[in-house]
């Protein structure tokens, strides 16, 4: 291990606190991801040429969809963490299931919750479900980017011990320098995936409902699996069979589902 390591930046996880009311960076990350994603989504649906001449939804539809997506992210993310990452603890302490301020959210659960919420919303408005999911897929990396930055600020979900020059000693990660895996994931799942989704939009693939959603599923799954090679697994789970992690296993079905959706969408003729 190196004799020197980068110091962990002393950033208070609480931005502002007034009495019992605390505004945390983590909450702001969720808000920023949702709001910026919503603004970009409105811009996408306001350009009919991207969809082949007629947009499948209106900006006003997205105003209402934001509420549904927020519920899906929060409820799905929390339920996914409870079921996938710490079911034994929450079985013994069911009241803590609702203590979201203590941390514990699963992206895969949040994704499932958001997919379900947006699919139900789209059906209620008679919007093509795949087109609604395509919009969400294009803007989702924005939320992922801010979320991983918040993980870093909180000093949580740190990486495995490392001897790279940029290794960091995290306050709650023991004395060993570790990979800043949160920043790796912010780059892969946020910046790189967002650029890929912009290329998908620019190439006119929104005219094929399901292409963007399929590419997002594959891209996130692959990026997450790569990130897991640098990330320390949750202490209550540890390493699974063959040195894998829970994050890897949850990402494999996402890659396969994304590939299946992409192949299905490519068989359909694009809108003129």
Protein backbone atom coordinates (compact mmCIF):
# COMPACT_ATOMS: atom_id res chain seq x y z
CA UNK A 1 0.00 0.00 0.00
CA UNK A 2 1.22 3.53 -0.65
CA UNK A 3 2.64 5.61 2.18
CA UNK A 4 0.67 8.61 0.93
CA UNK A 5 -2.99 8.90 -0.01
CA UNK A 6 -5.29 11.72 -0.93
CA UNK A 7 -7.15 13.17 2.05
CA UNK A 8 -10.89 12.78 2.08
CA UNK A 9 -12.47 16.20 1.47
CA UNK A 10 -14.11 17.44 4.65
CA UNK A 11 -17.57 18.17 3.24
CA UNK A 12 -20.42 18.13 5.74
CA UNK A 13 -23.18 15.79 4.46
CA UNK A 14 -25.67 18.33 5.87
CA UNK A 15 -25.71 21.51 3.79
CA UNK A 16 -28.04 23.53 6.02
CA UNK A 17 -29.65 22.71 9.36
CA UNK A 18 -32.29 24.77 11.11
CA UNK A 19 -33.30 23.09 14.37
CA UNK A 20 -34.43 19.53 13.60
CA UNK A 21 -34.74 20.32 9.87
CA UNK A 22 -31.64 19.29 7.90
CA UNK A 23 -31.06 19.69 4.18
CA UNK A 24 -28.58 17.04 3.06
CA UNK A 25 -26.49 16.85 -0.09
CA UNK A 26 -28.00 13.43 -0.74
CA UNK A 27 -31.52 14.85 -0.90
CA UNK A 28 -30.33 17.72 -3.09
CA UNK A 29 -28.73 15.21 -5.45
CA UNK A 30 -32.07 13.46 -5.93
CA UNK A 31 -33.84 16.79 -6.45
CA UNK A 32 -31.22 18.04 -8.91
CA UNK A 33 -31.36 14.82 -10.92
CA UNK A 34 -35.14 14.88 -11.12
CA UNK A 35 -35.47 18.58 -11.94
CA UNK A 36 -32.67 18.75 -14.54
CA UNK A 37 -33.87 15.50 -16.08
CA UNK A 38 -37.42 16.84 -16.23
CA UNK A 39 -36.27 20.03 -17.98
CA UNK A 40 -34.30 18.05 -20.57
CA UNK A 41 -37.22 15.66 -21.08
CA UNK A 42 -39.54 18.59 -21.78
CA UNK A 43 -37.10 19.84 -24.38
CA UNK A 44 -37.02 16.44 -26.07
CA UNK A 45 -40.78 16.12 -26.39
CA UNK A 46 -41.02 19.73 -27.61
CA UNK A 47 -39.10 18.78 -30.78
CA UNK A 48 -41.46 16.71 -32.97
CA UNK A 49 -38.73 16.09 -35.57
CA UNK A 50 -36.93 13.81 -33.09
CA UNK A 51 -39.99 11.54 -33.06
CA UNK A 52 -40.69 11.48 -36.78
CA UNK A 53 -42.96 14.50 -36.98
CA UNK A 54 -45.33 14.02 -34.02
CA UNK A 55 -44.27 13.87 -30.40
CA UNK A 56 -45.93 11.01 -28.49
CA UNK A 57 -46.52 13.22 -25.44
CA UNK A 58 -46.68 16.85 -24.38
CA UNK A 59 -44.53 18.81 -21.95
CA UNK A 60 -47.57 18.95 -19.68
CA UNK A 61 -47.64 15.16 -19.61
CA UNK A 62 -44.08 15.20 -18.31
CA UNK A 63 -45.02 17.68 -15.60
CA UNK A 64 -47.42 15.07 -14.22
CA UNK A 65 -45.03 12.17 -14.92
CA UNK A 66 -42.39 13.78 -12.68
CA UNK A 67 -44.51 13.07 -9.60
CA UNK A 68 -44.98 9.44 -10.61
CA UNK A 69 -41.27 9.02 -11.32
CA UNK A 70 -40.36 10.53 -7.94
CA UNK A 71 -42.60 8.04 -6.13
CA UNK A 72 -41.16 5.19 -8.17
CA UNK A 73 -37.57 6.16 -7.39
CA UNK A 74 -38.11 6.56 -3.65
CA UNK A 75 -40.42 3.61 -3.01
CA UNK A 76 -38.67 1.25 -5.41
CA UNK A 77 -35.21 2.26 -4.28
CA UNK A 78 -35.99 1.72 -0.63
CA UNK A 79 -37.88 -1.54 -1.17
CA UNK A 80 -35.06 -2.83 -3.37
CA UNK A 81 -32.49 -2.13 -0.65
CA UNK A 82 -34.65 -3.86 1.96
CA UNK A 83 -35.19 -6.98 -0.16
CA UNK A 84 -31.83 -7.30 -1.93
CA UNK A 85 -29.23 -5.97 0.48
CA UNK A 86 -30.39 -6.37 4.09
CA UNK A 87 -33.56 -8.47 4.39
CA UNK A 88 -32.53 -10.15 7.67
CA UNK A 89 -32.04 -6.83 9.47
CA UNK A 90 -35.32 -5.33 8.31
CA UNK A 91 -37.19 -8.54 9.12
CA UNK A 92 -36.12 -8.00 12.73
CA UNK A 93 -36.54 -4.21 12.62
CA UNK A 94 -39.52 -3.53 10.35
CA UNK A 95 -39.96 0.02 11.63
CA UNK A 96 -36.56 0.93 10.12
CA UNK A 97 -37.92 0.21 6.65
CA UNK A 98 -39.43 3.70 6.69
CA UNK A 99 -36.31 5.41 8.13
CA UNK A 100 -35.02 6.50 4.73
CA UNK A 101 -33.06 9.35 6.33
CA UNK A 102 -30.66 6.74 7.72
CA UNK A 103 -29.64 5.81 4.16
CA UNK A 104 -30.06 2.67 2.11
CA UNK A 105 -31.34 2.91 -1.46
CA UNK A 106 -30.95 0.44 -4.33
CA UNK A 107 -30.64 1.73 -7.88
CA UNK A 108 -32.01 -1.49 -9.33
CA UNK A 109 -35.04 -1.21 -7.04
CA UNK A 110 -35.45 2.46 -7.93
CA UNK A 111 -35.24 1.59 -11.61
CA UNK A 112 -37.91 -1.11 -11.28
CA UNK A 113 -40.15 1.27 -9.33
CA UNK A 114 -39.71 4.03 -11.89
CA UNK A 115 -40.38 1.70 -14.83
CA UNK A 116 -43.59 0.51 -13.23
CA UNK A 117 -44.73 4.02 -12.29
CA UNK A 118 -44.04 5.47 -15.75
CA UNK A 119 -45.62 2.50 -17.51
CA UNK A 120 -48.81 2.92 -15.47
CA UNK A 121 -48.79 6.65 -16.10
CA UNK A 122 -48.27 6.19 -19.84
CA UNK A 123 -51.15 3.74 -20.08
CA UNK A 124 -53.41 6.12 -18.17
CA UNK A 125 -52.61 8.88 -20.70
CA UNK A 126 -52.57 6.57 -23.73
CA UNK A 127 -48.91 7.38 -24.35
CA UNK A 128 -46.77 4.65 -25.97
CA UNK A 129 -45.03 2.99 -23.03
CA UNK A 130 -41.73 2.46 -24.85
CA UNK A 131 -41.59 6.12 -25.88
CA UNK A 132 -42.12 7.18 -22.28
CA UNK A 133 -39.32 4.85 -21.17
CA UNK A 134 -37.07 6.21 -23.93
CA UNK A 135 -37.43 9.72 -22.53
CA UNK A 136 -36.61 8.47 -19.04
CA UNK A 137 -33.61 6.56 -20.37
CA UNK A 138 -32.09 9.66 -21.97
CA UNK A 139 -32.28 11.74 -18.78
CA UNK A 140 -31.62 9.04 -16.15
CA UNK A 141 -27.78 9.35 -16.28
CA UNK A 142 -28.13 12.89 -14.94
CA UNK A 143 -29.64 11.59 -11.71
CA UNK A 144 -27.07 8.80 -11.54
CA UNK A 145 -24.25 11.33 -11.80
CA UNK A 146 -25.53 13.50 -8.96
CA UNK A 147 -26.38 10.46 -6.85
CA UNK A 148 -22.83 9.07 -7.06
CA UNK A 149 -21.37 12.46 -6.17
CA UNK A 150 -23.61 12.48 -3.10
CA UNK A 151 -22.36 8.99 -2.18
CA UNK A 152 -18.82 10.37 -2.29
CA UNK A 153 -19.67 13.41 -0.16
CA UNK A 154 -21.33 11.12 2.39
CA UNK A 155 -18.21 8.93 2.46
CA UNK A 156 -20.29 5.81 1.73
CA UNK A 157 -20.11 2.97 -0.79
CA UNK A 158 -16.33 3.34 -0.91
CA UNK A 159 -14.03 1.25 -3.04
CA UNK A 160 -11.74 -1.68 -2.39
CA UNK A 161 -8.23 -1.17 -0.95
CA UNK A 162 -5.95 0.27 -3.62
CA UNK A 163 -2.37 1.40 -4.23
CA UNK A 164 -3.17 3.91 -6.97
CA UNK A 165 -1.92 7.49 -6.47
CA UNK A 166 -5.49 8.82 -6.19
CA UNK A 167 -6.58 6.36 -3.48
CA UNK A 168 -8.43 7.94 -0.57
CA UNK A 169 -8.69 7.06 3.12
CA UNK A 170 -12.41 7.32 3.84
CA UNK A 171 -13.47 8.36 7.36
CA UNK A 172 -15.50 5.20 7.99
CA UNK A 173 -13.61 2.87 5.65
CA UNK A 174 -10.76 1.91 7.94
CA UNK A 175 -7.08 2.95 7.71
CA UNK A 176 -6.42 1.62 4.19
CA UNK A 177 -6.47 3.86 1.11
CA UNK A 178 -9.30 2.86 -1.21
CA UNK A 179 -10.54 3.42 -4.74
CA UNK A 180 -12.94 6.40 -4.95
CA UNK A 181 -15.35 4.05 -6.69
CA UNK A 182 -18.22 6.51 -6.33
CA UNK A 183 -16.40 8.84 -8.72
CA UNK A 184 -15.68 5.99 -11.12
CA UNK A 185 -19.38 5.18 -11.21
CA UNK A 186 -20.29 8.86 -11.60
CA UNK A 187 -18.10 8.87 -14.70
CA UNK A 188 -19.34 5.58 -16.16
CA UNK A 189 -23.03 5.63 -15.21
CA UNK A 190 -23.35 9.39 -15.43
CA UNK A 191 -21.08 11.12 -17.93
CA UNK A 192 -20.25 8.29 -20.34
CA UNK A 193 -23.77 6.88 -20.42
CA UNK A 194 -25.28 10.34 -20.85
CA UNK A 195 -23.05 10.99 -23.86
CA UNK A 196 -24.12 7.65 -25.34
CA UNK A 197 -27.78 8.55 -24.88
CA UNK A 198 -27.22 11.92 -26.57
CA UNK A 199 -25.72 10.08 -29.54
CA UNK A 200 -28.80 7.85 -29.63
CA UNK A 201 -31.04 10.93 -29.77
CA UNK A 202 -28.87 12.64 -32.36
CA UNK A 203 -28.94 9.57 -34.62
CA UNK A 204 -32.73 9.70 -34.74
CA UNK A 205 -33.38 6.54 -32.75
CA UNK A 206 -36.27 8.06 -30.80
CA UNK A 207 -38.25 7.26 -33.93
CA UNK A 208 -37.90 3.59 -32.95
CA UNK A 209 -39.64 3.24 -29.56
CA UNK A 210 -37.60 1.10 -27.21
CA UNK A 211 -34.13 1.62 -28.72
CA UNK A 212 -33.04 4.26 -26.21
CA UNK A 213 -34.44 2.31 -23.26
CA UNK A 214 -32.72 -0.87 -24.44
CA UNK A 215 -29.36 0.84 -24.88
CA UNK A 216 -29.68 2.45 -21.46
CA UNK A 217 -30.37 -0.91 -19.81
CA UNK A 218 -27.34 -2.45 -21.46
CA UNK A 219 -25.12 0.56 -20.83
CA UNK A 220 -25.97 0.92 -17.18
CA UNK A 221 -25.67 -2.81 -16.54
CA UNK A 222 -22.22 -3.02 -18.13
CA UNK A 223 -21.05 0.17 -16.40
CA UNK A 224 -22.27 -1.06 -13.03
CA UNK A 225 -20.57 -4.44 -13.43
CA UNK A 226 -17.29 -2.70 -14.25
CA UNK A 227 -17.70 -0.39 -11.26
CA UNK A 228 -18.31 -3.35 -8.94
CA UNK A 229 -14.76 -4.58 -9.58
CA UNK A 230 -13.53 -1.48 -7.72
CA UNK A 231 -16.30 -1.13 -5.13
CA UNK A 232 -16.25 -2.75 -1.70
CA UNK A 233 -19.32 -5.00 -1.36
CA UNK A 234 -21.85 -4.34 1.39
CA UNK A 235 -20.50 -5.67 4.68
CA UNK A 236 -23.63 -7.70 5.46
CA UNK A 237 -23.35 -9.50 2.09
CA UNK A 238 -19.66 -9.62 1.25
CA UNK A 239 -18.52 -11.42 -1.85
CA UNK A 240 -20.80 -13.98 -3.43
CA UNK A 241 -19.96 -16.99 -5.63
CA UNK A 242 -16.77 -16.69 -7.73
CA UNK A 243 -15.90 -13.34 -6.15
CA UNK A 244 -18.98 -11.62 -7.56
CA UNK A 245 -21.18 -9.09 -5.78
CA UNK A 246 -24.89 -8.47 -5.46
CA UNK A 247 -24.60 -5.44 -7.74
CA UNK A 248 -23.16 -7.63 -10.49
CA UNK A 249 -25.90 -10.23 -10.23
CA UNK A 250 -28.64 -7.60 -10.30
CA UNK A 251 -27.07 -5.99 -13.37
CA UNK A 252 -26.91 -9.13 -15.50
CA UNK A 253 -30.72 -9.36 -16.00
CA UNK A 254 -30.73 -5.65 -16.81
CA UNK A 255 -28.17 -6.15 -19.59
CA UNK A 256 -30.13 -9.09 -21.01
CA UNK A 257 -33.45 -7.23 -20.81
CA UNK A 258 -31.90 -4.20 -22.49
CA UNK A 259 -30.49 -6.35 -25.27
CA UNK A 260 -33.84 -8.06 -25.81
CA UNK A 261 -35.68 -4.74 -25.95
CA UNK A 262 -33.10 -3.30 -28.34
CA UNK A 263 -33.36 -6.24 -30.75
CA UNK A 264 -37.16 -6.04 -30.63
CA UNK A 265 -37.16 -2.30 -31.29
CA UNK A 266 -34.72 -2.53 -34.19
CA UNK A 267 -37.07 -4.91 -36.01
CA UNK A 268 -39.70 -2.19 -36.18
CA UNK A 269 -39.66 0.41 -38.91
CA UNK A 270 -38.77 3.91 -37.73
CA UNK A 271 -41.29 6.69 -37.99
CA UNK A 272 -40.92 8.57 -41.32
